[in-house]
Structures are given as structure tokens and as C-alpha cells.
Amino acid sequence: MGKAAKGSDFERELCRRLSRWWTGGERDDIFWRTSQSGGRATQRSKKDLKTFGSYGDIAAVDPIGQPLMKMFTIELKRGSSYGTPGDLLDFKPINSKHPWVVCLEQAIRSHEQAGSLAWMMICRRDHRLPVVFLESRIFKWLRDGSPVVGSVNFMRFSLAIREEKGYLKNIFFSGIPLEFFLASVLPRQIIHLVKSKSYK
């Protein structure tokens, strides 16, 4: 199976899993892939045009899923070519950025264009479990509200990236296996977070 086919299968299955999680197992059709995996929204953003429901790789095709989209703009990455945040420790930059940094910057850019409260990346390397990456401030709020999350493995990262104007910006984010995230975080926590913005 080619890389594109594997990526498409991963996106479709993840949309179904998120839908079942969001509805307590009752439905698998709440979320689906965005148009051109967010490409349409990206092109229109270059003209300062908004495109509802088209940012990132996942969209809510049923209104009951909108709180998740208001909370997170979600980018999906399938395959091993992107690497991991741990690769950055001994990466020798020449004239290009590490592929994982490029993915992170894309996730942040999509979130800013969408006007969501935060970004999320879900990555699955070949022959590995999928991992959720999200901002540490959001993860802390969710972790404090869920004792299950507090008992599983996760990692915190700090990364300095250079913005378009040349300034360095520190990004603090955490990673947790997708299975633990879905088992530990309740949709009502997301809904409450969107309404209250109590993570600030």
C-alpha cells in the first residue's frame, strides 16, 4: 500500500474513532476529512478569506461536533518520514528545518487561521501507536480533571521556533498515546473548556 493510501485510511479510521468517542459509541459519522485536507482553506487564507469547517485535516460534518473544532484544529500525520520531537535533540540543521518542526508549524498556522482555541497533532509512525500532541497548558487542564490521565505515560517538550518576523517563540507541548487520550478525556470536558476558557 502506498503512502497516500495509508494516510487516507488512517484519516478515515481516526474520524470514525473520534466520532464514536464524542458520542459515547453511538455514532461514527460526526467527523470527517476536510476538503483537500485543509488545502482549500490554506489557499483562501492567502487572500485573507475565511473558509468555515475546512481547516486542518478533520471537520465536524454534524453540528454536535463543533465544540471539538472550536477547541482544536487537528492535523494528522501518518508515516515515519516526519520523525518525532525526540529527534530534535541531536538533529544537525543545515539549510532546512526538521520535518517534525515543519508539521508543528503547519498545525499552529492552521489553528491561527481557523481561530480555534488550540492546535492538536495526531501522529502515527509505521508499526507504532498513534500519539496526540497538544499544548501543555491545555493538557494540564485536562489532566487535572482526569485522574486516569495522571496515571499514564506522557512527555512534555519545549521547542523554540522562529516566527516569520524572525523572533524566537517557545512552544510548550505534551504528547500522550491516542488510546489513553480517548479513554481519559471526556467530551464534556472539551465542551466546558470551550465555554469557560478556564485554561487561561
Foldseek 3Di string as FASTA:
>chain_A
DDPVVVQQVVQLVVQQVVVCLQVVNPGRQQKHFADVQLPVQVVVVVVVDGDPQHFGTMGGPDVSCVLVVLAEREHEEEECQQPDPVVVVPDDDDPDDRSVVVVVVSQQVSCVRNNHNWYKYWYDYPPGFIKIKTAPLVVVLLCVVWVLVVPDDKDKDWDWDADPVGDTDITIMMMDGPVSCSVTGHSVSSVVCSVPVVSD
